[in-house]
Protein backbone atom coordinates (compact mmCIF):
# COMPACT_ATOMS: atom_id res chain seq x y z
CA MET A 1 -1.36 16.98 4.64
CA GLU A 2 -4.41 19.17 4.87
CA ASN A 3 -3.96 21.54 1.91
CA SER A 4 -3.80 19.75 -1.41
CA ASN A 5 -2.86 23.05 -3.09
CA GLU A 6 0.64 22.61 -1.65
CA ALA A 7 1.08 19.16 -3.20
CA LEU A 8 2.59 18.37 -6.58
CA LYS A 9 -0.04 16.48 -8.57
CA LEU A 10 1.42 13.33 -10.14
CA ASP A 11 -0.13 11.25 -12.91
CA LEU A 12 1.14 7.74 -12.19
CA SER A 13 -0.48 6.33 -15.36
CA THR A 14 2.18 7.79 -17.67
CA GLU A 15 4.76 5.79 -19.59
CA GLU A 16 7.46 7.52 -17.52
CA TRP A 17 5.99 6.14 -14.27
CA THR A 18 5.45 2.73 -15.84
CA GLN A 19 9.16 2.66 -16.71
CA LYS A 20 10.21 3.86 -13.23
CA LEU A 21 8.13 1.14 -11.62
CA ALA A 22 9.38 -1.50 -14.09
CA GLU A 23 12.93 -0.70 -12.96
CA ALA A 24 12.02 -0.47 -9.26
CA PRO A 25 13.18 -3.04 -6.73
CA VAL A 26 10.72 -5.63 -5.46
CA PHE A 27 9.73 -5.53 -1.80
CA ALA A 28 7.77 -8.10 0.19
CA LYS A 29 5.34 -7.21 2.91
CA LYS A 30 6.40 -8.48 6.30
CA GLY A 31 4.67 -8.96 9.58
CA ILE A 32 1.08 -9.38 10.59
CA VAL A 33 -2.05 -7.27 10.31
CA GLY A 34 -5.52 -7.20 11.77
CA ALA A 35 -8.45 -7.49 9.40
CA GLU A 36 -12.21 -7.43 9.54
CA VAL A 37 -14.92 -7.72 6.89
CA ALA A 38 -17.18 -4.71 6.57
CA THR A 39 -20.85 -5.59 7.13
CA GLU A 40 -22.12 -2.16 6.03
CA GLU A 41 -20.75 0.95 4.35
CA THR A 42 -17.93 2.06 6.64
CA PRO A 43 -15.87 5.26 6.28
CA VAL A 44 -12.14 4.55 6.57
CA THR A 45 -9.57 7.30 6.99
CA THR A 46 -5.99 6.24 6.32
CA GLU A 47 -3.93 8.18 8.84
CA LEU A 48 -0.19 7.72 8.96
CA ALA A 49 1.84 7.46 12.16
CA ASP A 50 2.88 11.12 11.83
CA GLY A 51 -0.77 12.24 11.69
CA THR A 52 -0.88 12.80 7.93
CA ILE A 53 -4.28 11.99 6.44
CA GLU A 54 -3.29 9.97 3.39
CA THR A 55 -6.78 9.29 2.02
CA ASN A 56 -10.46 8.77 2.83
CA ASN A 57 -12.48 5.89 1.46
CA ILE A 58 -15.69 3.96 2.14
CA ALA A 59 -15.63 0.21 2.66
CA GLN A 60 -18.57 -1.55 1.05
CA PRO A 61 -20.17 -4.64 2.62
CA GLY A 62 -17.78 -7.55 2.03
CA ASP A 63 -14.67 -5.36 1.72
CA VAL A 64 -11.83 -6.09 4.11
CA ILE A 65 -10.59 -3.32 6.42
CA VAL A 66 -6.91 -3.97 7.14
CA THR A 67 -5.05 -2.47 10.09
CA ASN A 68 -1.24 -2.40 9.88
CA PRO A 69 0.88 -2.77 13.04
CA GLY A 70 1.28 1.04 13.26
CA GLY A 71 -2.50 1.57 13.15
CA GLU A 72 -2.79 2.63 9.50
CA LYS A 73 -6.11 1.38 8.07
CA TYR A 74 -6.99 0.70 4.44
CA ILE A 75 -9.52 -1.22 2.38
CA LEU A 76 -9.03 -4.21 0.09
CA LYS A 77 -11.50 -6.15 -2.01
CA PRO A 78 -11.78 -9.77 -0.77
CA ASP A 79 -9.89 -11.28 -3.75
CA ASN A 80 -6.98 -8.84 -3.33
CA PHE A 81 -6.91 -9.49 0.41
CA ALA A 82 -6.68 -13.25 -0.22
CA LYS A 83 -3.74 -12.70 -2.61
CA ARG A 84 -1.84 -10.55 -0.09
CA TYR A 85 -2.55 -12.18 3.29
CA GLU A 86 -2.94 -15.61 4.84
CA ALA A 87 -4.72 -16.57 8.06
CA THR A 88 -2.82 -17.28 11.26
CA GLU A 89 -4.06 -19.38 14.17
CA GLU A 90 -5.29 -16.19 15.87
CA GLU A 91 -8.72 -15.00 14.75
CA GLY A 92 -8.63 -11.68 12.87
CA ILE A 93 -4.83 -11.75 12.52
CA PHE A 94 -3.22 -12.38 9.13
CA ARG A 95 0.35 -12.80 7.85
CA ALA A 96 1.37 -10.66 4.91
CA LYS A 97 2.43 -12.30 1.67
CA GLY A 98 2.03 -9.41 -0.78
CA MET A 99 4.80 -7.90 -2.88
CA VAL A 100 5.27 -4.50 -4.55
CA ARG A 101 7.62 -2.65 -6.82
CA ALA A 102 8.34 0.70 -5.16
CA VAL A 103 10.39 3.86 -5.63
CA GLN A 104 10.81 6.86 -3.39
CA ASN A 105 9.09 10.12 -4.31
CA ASN A 106 12.06 12.07 -5.66
CA SER A 107 10.23 15.35 -6.32
CA GLY A 108 11.41 16.84 -3.03
CA GLN A 109 7.89 17.97 -2.17
CA PRO A 110 4.53 16.61 -1.00
CA VAL A 111 2.56 14.85 -3.74
CA GLU A 112 -1.04 14.11 -4.62
CA ILE A 113 -2.31 11.32 -6.87
CA MET A 114 -5.70 9.98 -7.86
CA ALA A 115 -5.69 6.62 -6.09
CA PRO A 116 -7.02 3.45 -7.74
CA TRP A 117 -10.12 3.68 -5.54
CA GLY A 118 -11.04 7.06 -7.03
CA GLU A 119 -10.08 9.37 -4.15
CA PRO A 120 -7.11 11.73 -3.87
CA GLN A 121 -4.16 10.27 -1.99
CA PHE A 122 -1.43 12.41 -0.46
CA GLY A 123 2.20 11.69 0.34
CA GLU A 124 5.00 13.54 2.05
CA PRO A 125 8.27 14.35 0.25
CA ASP A 126 9.78 11.02 1.39
CA CYS A 127 6.81 8.75 0.58
CA MET A 128 7.03 5.68 -1.63
CA ILE A 129 5.21 5.19 -4.94
CA ALA A 130 4.19 1.55 -5.40
CA THR A 131 2.38 -0.98 -7.56
CA VAL A 132 1.55 -4.60 -6.78
CA PHE A 133 4.14 -7.16 -7.94
CA ASP A 134 2.88 -10.55 -9.10
CA PRO A 135 5.69 -13.15 -9.00
CA GLU A 136 3.75 -15.26 -11.52
CA ASN A 137 3.84 -12.32 -14.00
CA PRO A 138 7.07 -10.51 -13.06
CA ASP A 139 7.21 -8.35 -16.20
CA GLU A 140 3.67 -7.03 -15.82
CA ILE A 141 3.51 -3.54 -14.30
CA GLY A 142 0.13 -3.11 -12.66
CA ALA A 143 -2.14 -0.16 -13.40
CA ASP A 144 -3.05 0.25 -9.70
CA ARG A 145 -0.43 2.65 -8.40
CA TYR A 146 -0.54 4.23 -4.98
CA ILE A 147 1.37 5.96 -2.19
CA ILE A 148 2.79 4.33 0.93
CA GLY A 149 4.00 6.60 3.74
CA ARG A 150 7.76 6.32 4.34
CA GLN A 151 7.56 5.10 7.95
CA GLU A 152 4.70 2.73 7.12
CA PHE A 153 6.76 1.34 4.24
CA LEU A 154 9.80 0.79 6.46
CA ASP A 155 7.63 -0.86 9.12
CA THR A 156 5.81 -3.22 6.77
CA TYR A 157 8.07 -3.96 3.77
CA GLY A 158 11.59 -5.20 3.18
CA PRO A 159 13.66 -6.26 0.18
CA ALA A 160 11.97 -9.38 -1.19
CA GLU A 161 15.08 -11.55 -0.98
CA GLU A 162 15.52 -10.67 2.71
CA VAL A 163 11.88 -11.05 3.76
CA LEU A 164 11.32 -14.25 1.80
CA GLY A 165 14.64 -15.57 3.04
CA GLU A 166 13.53 -14.91 6.63
CA GLU A 167 10.26 -16.76 6.04
CA THR A 168 12.12 -19.70 4.49
CA ALA A 169 14.48 -19.83 7.43
CA ALA A 170 11.66 -19.65 10.01
């Protein structure tokens, strides 16, 4: 989405959004990602599979640049990365273990938010609005709220009971 003037600006910090997210289903991240630690300031553009530029950010030295299976890149601080991913036997490849509460954008139009990292983030009419879910504090609704593209969400998340059930069965 190139023109932010077309997007509905959402304030995800409101009580209304806190309530929506509190009632949202929990999804677990599935699959594997690539990751590398930034050694210098590195610009990262999050581009969705459909070509939409979701956001621009700058990784600081020590930040982790994550690449989803579909090629979408984003930045996490090292402590958040460690909470959401675990190493595999293959160098640079990590298994997801993060969880979110998420709801679909029901405005019927493209949206813009101010992302937790201080840059505008854009979503299409079918994007998902999410916040991190901590199973140790299930009633806590996180203040970090962000957009996940619809296809990226479908490719990388599933209902928690299904994803965690698959991992248990594996």
